[in-house]
Amino acid sequence: MFVNDGVCDCCDGSDEPAEVCPNTCKELKRAFDQQEKEWKERLDKGIKSKNELIKKAAELRDVHKRQLENGRLEIAAAENQLTVLKGK
């Protein structure tokens, strides 16, 4: 990266004599903005997917907790019934 070396290092061509390098700053900015937009869209999509998975996991956890509690209640009822039957 040197001045007046025949290599256009700066997008505005300011590192070389006038008219040697075209000004490509606008094109580079447009390309950068497009990449940034696409990155943000992917990020937003990923965040949305993550939040949906978190919500689904919480719902499944609640279902499994209820099933577990129901199973424990059934076991307790069966143990009580067994105790009663053993006592007869």
C-alpha atoms as a PDB file:
ATOM      1  CA  MET A   1       0.000   0.000   0.000  1.00  0.00           C
ATOM      2  CA  PHE A   2       2.039   2.898  -1.314  1.00  0.00           C
ATOM      3  CA  VAL A   3       1.267   6.254  -2.903  1.00  0.00           C
ATOM      4  CA  ASN A   4       2.011   6.687  -6.612  1.00  0.00           C
ATOM      5  CA  ASP A   5       2.964   3.031  -7.067  1.00  0.00           C
ATOM      6  CA  GLY A   6       0.521   2.326  -9.911  1.00  0.00           C
ATOM      7  CA  VAL A   7      -1.698   0.212  -7.637  1.00  0.00           C
ATOM      8  CA  CYS A   8      -5.122   1.614  -6.805  1.00  0.00           C
ATOM      9  CA  ASP A   9      -5.312   0.880  -3.079  1.00  0.00           C
ATOM     10  CA  CYS A  10      -7.970   3.454  -2.154  1.00  0.00           C
ATOM     11  CA  CYS A  11     -11.500   3.114  -3.490  1.00  0.00           C
ATOM     12  CA  ASP A  12     -11.527   6.812  -4.403  1.00  0.00           C
ATOM     13  CA  GLY A  13      -8.169   6.601  -6.196  1.00  0.00           C
ATOM     14  CA  SER A  14      -6.604   9.240  -3.967  1.00  0.00           C
ATOM     15  CA  ASP A  15      -3.376   7.258  -3.612  1.00  0.00           C
ATOM     16  CA  GLU A  16      -2.523   7.702  -7.269  1.00  0.00           C
ATOM     17  CA  PRO A  17      -2.339  10.677  -9.660  1.00  0.00           C
ATOM     18  CA  ALA A  18      -5.666  12.093 -10.877  1.00  0.00           C
ATOM     19  CA  GLU A  19      -7.560  10.008 -13.439  1.00  0.00           C
ATOM     20  CA  VAL A  20      -5.358   6.919 -12.950  1.00  0.00           C
ATOM     21  CA  CYS A  21      -7.781   5.074 -10.658  1.00  0.00           C
ATOM     22  CA  PRO A  22     -11.566   5.066 -10.954  1.00  0.00           C
ATOM     23  CA  ASN A  23     -13.651   5.951  -7.911  1.00  0.00           C
ATOM     24  CA  THR A  24     -15.258   2.665  -6.869  1.00  0.00           C
ATOM     25  CA  CYS A  25     -16.360   3.746  -3.381  1.00  0.00           C
ATOM     26  CA  LYS A  26     -20.088   3.850  -4.246  1.00  0.00           C
ATOM     27  CA  GLU A  27     -20.009   0.357  -5.725  1.00  0.00           C
ATOM     28  CA  LEU A  28     -18.079  -0.986  -2.734  1.00  0.00           C
ATOM     29  CA  LYS A  29     -20.556   0.680  -0.364  1.00  0.00           C
ATOM     30  CA  ARG A  30     -23.512  -0.825  -2.238  1.00  0.00           C
ATOM     31  CA  ALA A  31     -21.918  -4.282  -2.098  1.00  0.00           C
ATOM     32  CA  PHE A  32     -21.152  -3.870   1.600  1.00  0.00           C
ATOM     33  CA  ASP A  33     -24.716  -2.704   2.332  1.00  0.00           C
ATOM     34  CA  GLN A  34     -26.123  -5.689   0.438  1.00  0.00           C
ATOM     35  CA  GLN A  35     -23.937  -8.126   2.360  1.00  0.00           C
ATOM     36  CA  GLU A  36     -24.886  -6.447   5.625  1.00  0.00           C
ATOM     37  CA  LYS A  37     -28.592  -6.673   4.731  1.00  0.00           C
ATOM     38  CA  GLU A  38     -28.280 -10.368   3.894  1.00  0.00           C
ATOM     39  CA  TRP A  39     -26.346 -11.020   7.110  1.00  0.00           C
ATOM     40  CA  LYS A  40     -28.996  -9.214   9.163  1.00  0.00           C
ATOM     41  CA  GLU A  41     -31.771 -11.196   7.461  1.00  0.00           C
ATOM     42  CA  ARG A  42     -29.976 -14.480   8.243  1.00  0.00           C
ATOM     43  CA  LEU A  43     -29.379 -13.341  11.806  1.00  0.00           C
ATOM     44  CA  ASP A  44     -33.028 -12.351  12.273  1.00  0.00           C
ATOM     45  CA  LYS A  45     -34.163 -15.678  10.799  1.00  0.00           C
ATOM     46  CA  GLY A  46     -31.804 -17.550  13.138  1.00  0.00           C
ATOM     47  CA  ILE A  47     -33.026 -15.623  16.175  1.00  0.00           C
ATOM     48  CA  LYS A  48     -36.640 -16.325  15.206  1.00  0.00           C
ATOM     49  CA  SER A  49     -35.887 -20.052  14.801  1.00  0.00           C
ATOM     50  CA  LYS A  50     -34.071 -20.127  18.137  1.00  0.00           C
ATOM     51  CA  ASN A  51     -36.985 -18.454  19.908  1.00  0.00           C
ATOM     52  CA  GLU A  52     -39.451 -20.888  18.328  1.00  0.00           C
ATOM     53  CA  LEU A  53     -37.321 -23.829  19.506  1.00  0.00           C
ATOM     54  CA  ILE A  54     -37.102 -22.392  23.020  1.00  0.00           C
ATOM     55  CA  LYS A  55     -40.880 -21.988  23.131  1.00  0.00           C
ATOM     56  CA  LYS A  56     -41.449 -25.526  21.839  1.00  0.00           C
ATOM     57  CA  ALA A  57     -38.952 -26.947  24.340  1.00  0.00           C
ATOM     58  CA  ALA A  58     -40.702 -25.149  27.208  1.00  0.00           C
ATOM     59  CA  GLU A  59     -44.058 -26.527  26.083  1.00  0.00           C
ATOM     60  CA  LEU A  60     -42.653 -30.067  25.845  1.00  0.00           C
ATOM     61  CA  ARG A  61     -41.014 -29.692  29.258  1.00  0.00           C
ATOM     62  CA  ASP A  62     -44.379 -28.722  30.751  1.00  0.00           C
ATOM     63  CA  VAL A  63     -46.091 -31.688  29.102  1.00  0.00           C
ATOM     64  CA  HIS A  64     -43.433 -34.074  30.404  1.00  0.00           C
ATOM     65  CA  LYS A  65     -43.603 -32.570  33.892  1.00  0.00           C
ATOM     66  CA  ARG A  66     -47.372 -33.157  33.974  1.00  0.00           C
ATOM     67  CA  GLN A  67     -46.924 -36.710  32.699  1.00  0.00           C
ATOM     68  CA  LEU A  68     -44.287 -37.365  35.345  1.00  0.00           C
ATOM     69  CA  GLU A  69     -46.484 -35.958  38.111  1.00  0.00           C
ATOM     70  CA  ASN A  70     -49.452 -38.029  36.884  1.00  0.00           C
ATOM     71  CA  GLY A  71     -47.254 -41.135  36.868  1.00  0.00           C
ATOM     72  CA  ARG A  72     -46.115 -40.417  40.429  1.00  0.00           C
ATOM     73  CA  LEU A  73     -49.733 -39.978  41.541  1.00  0.00           C
ATOM     74  CA  GLU A  74     -50.681 -43.256  39.869  1.00  0.00           C
ATOM     75  CA  ILE A  75     -47.799 -45.040  41.619  1.00  0.00           C
ATOM     76  CA  ALA A  76     -48.794 -43.574  44.970  1.00  0.00           C
ATOM     77  CA  ALA A  77     -52.411 -44.642  44.440  1.00  0.00           C
ATOM     78  CA  ALA A  78     -51.313 -48.143  43.412  1.00  0.00           C
ATOM     79  CA  GLU A  79     -49.034 -48.407  46.475  1.00  0.00           C
ATOM     80  CA  ASN A  80     -51.925 -47.348  48.731  1.00  0.00           C
ATOM     81  CA  GLN A  81     -54.188 -49.886  47.094  1.00  0.00           C
ATOM     82  CA  LEU A  82     -51.514 -52.560  47.546  1.00  0.00           C
ATOM     83  CA  THR A  83     -51.177 -51.672  51.216  1.00  0.00           C
ATOM     84  CA  VAL A  84     -54.937 -51.962  51.653  1.00  0.00           C
ATOM     85  CA  LEU A  85     -55.052 -55.308  49.841  1.00  0.00           C
ATOM     86  CA  LYS A  86     -52.156 -56.680  51.887  1.00  0.00           C
ATOM     87  CA  GLY A  87     -53.978 -55.693  55.029  1.00  0.00           C
ATOM     88  CA  LYS A  88     -57.032 -57.805  54.174  1.00  0.00           C
END
